[in-house]
């Protein structure tokens, strides 16, 4: 079986059959609605959880807290093309970012420490 790809519609098919020995007496098929393989929070099914998904969420499901939580938890992530695996598109949004102004007090403390020892 090939890998599931983002942006492609898929359908489940179920075949029900009534067998009598080696003969099929009755059979019926059932199909699911078309769906796309995507990440939780990717409401427009483009493979990336981004601001466009938030707009879609607010327009169509404005009061659904669970859907908002799924969007928020996966914001910034995307699916790899055709791999079916989750690949983060960026570093986590909560990662610490060093501030350039933090170097000034550290440098001042170092200068004072060196001057004090002399």
C-alpha atoms as a PDB file:
ATOM      1  CA  UNK A   1       0.000   0.000   0.000  1.00  0.00           C
ATOM      2  CA  UNK A   2       1.252   3.481  -0.843  1.00  0.00           C
ATOM      3  CA  UNK A   3       1.661   6.124   1.834  1.00  0.00           C
ATOM      4  CA  UNK A   4      -1.320   8.327   2.620  1.00  0.00           C
ATOM      5  CA  UNK A   5      -0.829  11.792   1.130  1.00  0.00           C
ATOM      6  CA  UNK A   6      -1.937  15.178   2.404  1.00  0.00           C
ATOM      7  CA  UNK A   7      -4.548  16.937   0.259  1.00  0.00           C
ATOM      8  CA  UNK A   8      -5.889  13.751  -1.346  1.00  0.00           C
ATOM      9  CA  UNK A   9      -9.465  12.603  -0.687  1.00  0.00           C
ATOM     10  CA  UNK A  10      -9.864   9.048   0.617  1.00  0.00           C
ATOM     11  CA  UNK A  11     -12.917   6.842   1.170  1.00  0.00           C
ATOM     12  CA  UNK A  12     -13.370   3.712   3.293  1.00  0.00           C
ATOM     13  CA  UNK A  13     -15.188   0.862   1.575  1.00  0.00           C
ATOM     14  CA  UNK A  14     -16.820  -2.039   3.411  1.00  0.00           C
ATOM     15  CA  UNK A  15     -18.125  -5.094   1.613  1.00  0.00           C
ATOM     16  CA  UNK A  16     -20.748  -7.185   3.368  1.00  0.00           C
ATOM     17  CA  UNK A  17     -21.436 -10.607   1.960  1.00  0.00           C
ATOM     18  CA  UNK A  18     -23.605 -13.617   2.674  1.00  0.00           C
ATOM     19  CA  UNK A  19     -21.716 -16.751   1.699  1.00  0.00           C
ATOM     20  CA  UNK A  20     -23.257 -20.137   1.145  1.00  0.00           C
ATOM     21  CA  UNK A  21     -20.350 -22.488   0.639  1.00  0.00           C
ATOM     22  CA  UNK A  22     -18.252 -20.968  -2.122  1.00  0.00           C
ATOM     23  CA  UNK A  23     -21.116 -18.886  -3.556  1.00  0.00           C
ATOM     24  CA  UNK A  24     -22.005 -15.344  -2.588  1.00  0.00           C
ATOM     25  CA  UNK A  25     -25.767 -15.095  -2.231  1.00  0.00           C
ATOM     26  CA  UNK A  26     -25.967 -11.451  -1.188  1.00  0.00           C
ATOM     27  CA  UNK A  27     -23.439  -8.655  -1.116  1.00  0.00           C
ATOM     28  CA  UNK A  28     -23.573  -4.962  -0.392  1.00  0.00           C
ATOM     29  CA  UNK A  29     -21.073  -2.161  -0.361  1.00  0.00           C
ATOM     30  CA  UNK A  30     -20.873   0.718   2.106  1.00  0.00           C
ATOM     31  CA  UNK A  31     -18.680   3.788   1.559  1.00  0.00           C
ATOM     32  CA  UNK A  32     -17.624   6.498   3.971  1.00  0.00           C
ATOM     33  CA  UNK A  33     -17.817  10.192   3.209  1.00  0.00           C
ATOM     34  CA  UNK A  34     -14.638  11.502   1.572  1.00  0.00           C
ATOM     35  CA  UNK A  35     -11.984  12.572   4.065  1.00  0.00           C
ATOM     36  CA  UNK A  36      -8.447  13.876   3.998  1.00  0.00           C
ATOM     37  CA  UNK A  37      -5.525  12.735   6.095  1.00  0.00           C
ATOM     38  CA  UNK A  38      -4.433  15.684   8.177  1.00  0.00           C
ATOM     39  CA  UNK A  39      -3.249  16.830  11.583  1.00  0.00           C
ATOM     40  CA  UNK A  40      -5.564  17.732  14.471  1.00  0.00           C
ATOM     41  CA  UNK A  41      -6.314  21.445  14.213  1.00  0.00           C
ATOM     42  CA  UNK A  42      -5.799  21.559  10.432  1.00  0.00           C
ATOM     43  CA  UNK A  43      -9.375  22.519   9.580  1.00  0.00           C
ATOM     44  CA  UNK A  44      -8.742  23.551   5.970  1.00  0.00           C
ATOM     45  CA  UNK A  45      -6.799  20.285   5.328  1.00  0.00           C
ATOM     46  CA  UNK A  46      -3.791  21.906   3.691  1.00  0.00           C
ATOM     47  CA  UNK A  47      -1.324  19.939   5.850  1.00  0.00           C
ATOM     48  CA  UNK A  48      -0.286  22.867   8.074  1.00  0.00           C
ATOM     49  CA  UNK A  49      -1.861  24.111  11.296  1.00  0.00           C
ATOM     50  CA  UNK A  50      -1.694  27.890  10.895  1.00  0.00           C
ATOM     51  CA  UNK A  51      -3.668  31.131  11.171  1.00  0.00           C
ATOM     52  CA  UNK A  52      -5.850  30.181   8.188  1.00  0.00           C
ATOM     53  CA  UNK A  53      -7.152  27.258  10.248  1.00  0.00           C
ATOM     54  CA  UNK A  54      -8.023  29.635  13.080  1.00  0.00           C
ATOM     55  CA  UNK A  55     -10.057  31.792  10.679  1.00  0.00           C
ATOM     56  CA  UNK A  56     -11.885  28.699   9.420  1.00  0.00           C
ATOM     57  CA  UNK A  57     -12.513  27.579  13.013  1.00  0.00           C
ATOM     58  CA  UNK A  58     -13.950  30.958  14.074  1.00  0.00           C
ATOM     59  CA  UNK A  59     -16.238  31.166  11.020  1.00  0.00           C
ATOM     60  CA  UNK A  60     -17.589  27.611  11.241  1.00  0.00           C
ATOM     61  CA  UNK A  61     -17.170  26.396  14.838  1.00  0.00           C
ATOM     62  CA  UNK A  62     -16.925  29.541  16.927  1.00  0.00           C
ATOM     63  CA  UNK A  63     -18.025  27.996  20.236  1.00  0.00           C
ATOM     64  CA  UNK A  64     -16.202  24.646  20.107  1.00  0.00           C
ATOM     65  CA  UNK A  65     -13.539  24.764  22.828  1.00  0.00           C
ATOM     66  CA  UNK A  66     -12.196  21.266  22.049  1.00  0.00           C
ATOM     67  CA  UNK A  67     -11.490  22.215  18.438  1.00  0.00           C
ATOM     68  CA  UNK A  68      -9.806  25.429  19.549  1.00  0.00           C
ATOM     69  CA  UNK A  69      -7.646  23.440  21.988  1.00  0.00           C
ATOM     70  CA  UNK A  70      -6.615  21.055  19.185  1.00  0.00           C
ATOM     71  CA  UNK A  71      -5.691  24.010  16.955  1.00  0.00           C
ATOM     72  CA  UNK A  72      -3.721  25.699  19.727  1.00  0.00           C
ATOM     73  CA  UNK A  73      -1.865  22.514  20.719  1.00  0.00           C
ATOM     74  CA  UNK A  74      -0.739  21.869  17.130  1.00  0.00           C
ATOM     75  CA  UNK A  75      -0.215  25.423  15.892  1.00  0.00           C
ATOM     76  CA  UNK A  76       2.912  25.627  13.749  1.00  0.00           C
ATOM     77  CA  UNK A  77       3.096  21.921  12.910  1.00  0.00           C
ATOM     78  CA  UNK A  78       2.662  20.266   9.550  1.00  0.00           C
ATOM     79  CA  UNK A  79       2.608  16.855   7.936  1.00  0.00           C
ATOM     80  CA  UNK A  80       5.452  15.595   5.813  1.00  0.00           C
ATOM     81  CA  UNK A  81       4.570  15.255   2.127  1.00  0.00           C
ATOM     82  CA  UNK A  82       3.231  11.744   1.616  1.00  0.00           C
ATOM     83  CA  UNK A  83       4.998  10.283   4.609  1.00  0.00           C
ATOM     84  CA  UNK A  84       2.061  10.214   6.958  1.00  0.00           C
ATOM     85  CA  UNK A  85       4.355  11.237   9.782  1.00  0.00           C
ATOM     86  CA  UNK A  86       4.260  14.444  11.751  1.00  0.00           C
ATOM     87  CA  UNK A  87       7.134  16.830  11.155  1.00  0.00           C
ATOM     88  CA  UNK A  88       7.296  20.039  13.181  1.00  0.00           C
ATOM     89  CA  UNK A  89       7.582  23.034  10.886  1.00  0.00           C
ATOM     90  CA  UNK A  90       9.299  25.216  13.448  1.00  0.00           C
ATOM     91  CA  UNK A  91      10.726  25.161  16.935  1.00  0.00           C
ATOM     92  CA  UNK A  92       8.102  25.148  19.664  1.00  0.00           C
ATOM     93  CA  UNK A  93       6.533  28.562  20.107  1.00  0.00           C
ATOM     94  CA  UNK A  94       7.210  28.448  23.845  1.00  0.00           C
ATOM     95  CA  UNK A  95      10.986  28.077  23.411  1.00  0.00           C
ATOM     96  CA  UNK A  96      13.057  30.631  25.311  1.00  0.00           C
ATOM     97  CA  UNK A  97      14.513  33.416  23.176  1.00  0.00           C
ATOM     98  CA  UNK A  98      17.667  35.062  24.527  1.00  0.00           C
ATOM     99  CA  UNK A  99      17.362  38.808  24.879  1.00  0.00           C
ATOM    100  CA  UNK A 100      20.296  40.968  23.726  1.00  0.00           C
ATOM    101  CA  UNK A 101      19.818  43.284  26.717  1.00  0.00           C
ATOM    102  CA  UNK A 102      20.574  40.377  29.060  1.00  0.00           C
ATOM    103  CA  UNK A 103      24.230  40.576  27.985  1.00  0.00           C
ATOM    104  CA  UNK A 104      24.711  44.094  29.389  1.00  0.00           C
ATOM    105  CA  UNK A 105      24.135  43.190  33.085  1.00  0.00           C
ATOM    106  CA  UNK A 106      26.243  40.062  32.662  1.00  0.00           C
ATOM    107  CA  UNK A 107      29.095  42.067  31.138  1.00  0.00           C
ATOM    108  CA  UNK A 108      28.812  44.704  33.882  1.00  0.00           C
ATOM    109  CA  UNK A 109      28.929  42.019  36.582  1.00  0.00           C
ATOM    110  CA  UNK A 110      32.032  40.523  34.969  1.00  0.00           C
ATOM    111  CA  UNK A 111      33.775  43.920  34.829  1.00  0.00           C
ATOM    112  CA  UNK A 112      32.926  44.643  38.485  1.00  0.00           C
ATOM    113  CA  UNK A 113      34.189  41.221  39.530  1.00  0.00           C
ATOM    114  CA  UNK A 114      37.493  41.734  37.715  1.00  0.00           C
ATOM    115  CA  UNK A 115      37.921  45.278  39.147  1.00  0.00           C
ATOM    116  CA  UNK A 116      37.132  44.105  42.678  1.00  0.00           C
ATOM    117  CA  UNK A 117      39.821  41.433  42.589  1.00  0.00           C
ATOM    118  CA  UNK A 118      42.470  44.010  41.679  1.00  0.00           C
END
